[in-house]
Amino acid sequence: MENIGAGLAALGVIGPGIGLGIMTGLATEAIGRNPDAAASVRATWLLGAAFAEGLGVLAIVVGVLAIFIGG
C-alpha cells in the first residue's frame, strides 16, 4: 500500500514524454520547411528537451525516494 505514492510520482514521466514527442515533431517540421535555420532550431530544441527530461528524472527520483525513505 505504501508504494502507491511512488507509482503516482512515477506517472510524472508521462507529461515530459508527450511534450518531447510533440516538440521533436515540430522541430523536424520546422527544419524541413527552412533548412537554413536548422542550427537555431536544433539549439532551441536541445535546451527545451533538457528541461523536459529534467522534470521526468525528478519524477523518477521522487518515486524512488518514496519507496526507500517513505515509512
Protein backbone atom coordinates (compact mmCIF):
# COMPACT_ATOMS: atom_id res chain seq x y z
CA MET A 1 0.00 0.00 0.00
CA GLU A 2 2.87 2.37 0.69
CA ASN A 3 4.15 2.02 -2.88
CA ILE A 4 1.06 3.67 -4.35
CA GLY A 5 2.60 7.11 -3.79
CA ALA A 6 5.76 6.02 -5.56
CA GLY A 7 3.75 4.77 -8.51
CA LEU A 8 1.81 8.01 -8.71
CA ALA A 9 5.04 10.02 -8.57
CA ALA A 10 6.50 7.94 -11.39
CA LEU A 11 3.48 8.81 -13.55
CA GLY A 12 5.07 12.25 -13.82
CA VAL A 13 7.20 10.85 -16.63
CA ILE A 14 4.20 10.77 -18.97
CA GLY A 15 3.97 14.55 -19.37
CA PRO A 16 7.60 15.14 -20.39
CA GLY A 17 7.42 12.14 -22.72
CA ILE A 18 4.42 13.54 -24.57
CA GLY A 19 5.97 17.00 -24.61
CA LEU A 20 9.23 15.72 -26.07
CA GLY A 21 7.37 13.86 -28.78
CA ILE A 22 5.39 16.92 -29.81
CA MET A 23 8.45 19.15 -29.60
CA THR A 24 10.54 16.79 -31.73
CA GLY A 25 7.85 16.58 -34.38
CA LEU A 26 7.51 20.34 -34.59
CA ALA A 27 11.29 20.86 -34.69
CA THR A 28 11.58 18.34 -37.52
CA GLU A 29 8.80 20.10 -39.39
CA ALA A 30 10.48 23.48 -38.90
CA ILE A 31 13.81 22.19 -40.19
CA GLY A 32 12.02 20.63 -43.17
CA ARG A 33 10.40 23.96 -44.04
CA ASN A 34 13.55 26.04 -43.52
CA PRO A 35 16.78 24.01 -43.65
CA ASP A 36 18.92 27.15 -43.28
CA ALA A 37 17.60 27.64 -39.74
CA ALA A 38 18.46 24.08 -38.68
CA ALA A 39 21.21 25.11 -36.27
CA SER A 40 18.97 27.59 -34.46
CA VAL A 41 16.03 25.19 -34.28
CA ARG A 42 18.27 22.37 -33.07
CA ALA A 43 19.79 24.53 -30.31
CA THR A 44 16.37 25.63 -29.09
CA TRP A 45 15.06 22.06 -29.24
CA LEU A 46 18.03 20.77 -27.24
CA LEU A 47 17.50 23.32 -24.48
CA GLY A 48 13.79 22.53 -24.27
CA ALA A 49 14.48 18.79 -24.28
CA ALA A 50 16.95 19.16 -21.42
CA PHE A 51 14.38 20.98 -19.28
CA ALA A 52 11.65 18.44 -20.07
CA GLU A 53 13.94 15.50 -19.29
CA GLY A 54 14.88 17.17 -16.03
CA LEU A 55 11.23 17.07 -14.98
CA GLY A 56 10.98 13.40 -15.92
CA VAL A 57 14.09 12.49 -13.95
CA LEU A 58 12.80 14.46 -10.97
CA ALA A 59 9.56 12.43 -11.03
CA ILE A 60 11.51 9.17 -11.04
CA VAL A 61 13.74 10.33 -8.18
CA VAL A 62 10.70 11.28 -6.10
CA GLY A 63 9.20 7.85 -6.76
CA VAL A 64 12.38 6.05 -5.73
CA LEU A 65 12.70 8.19 -2.61
CA ALA A 66 9.10 7.40 -1.71
CA ILE A 67 9.88 3.68 -1.89
CA PHE A 68 13.09 3.68 0.14
CA ILE A 69 12.61 6.56 2.56
CA GLY A 70 8.83 6.56 2.99
CA GLY A 71 7.58 4.69 6.00
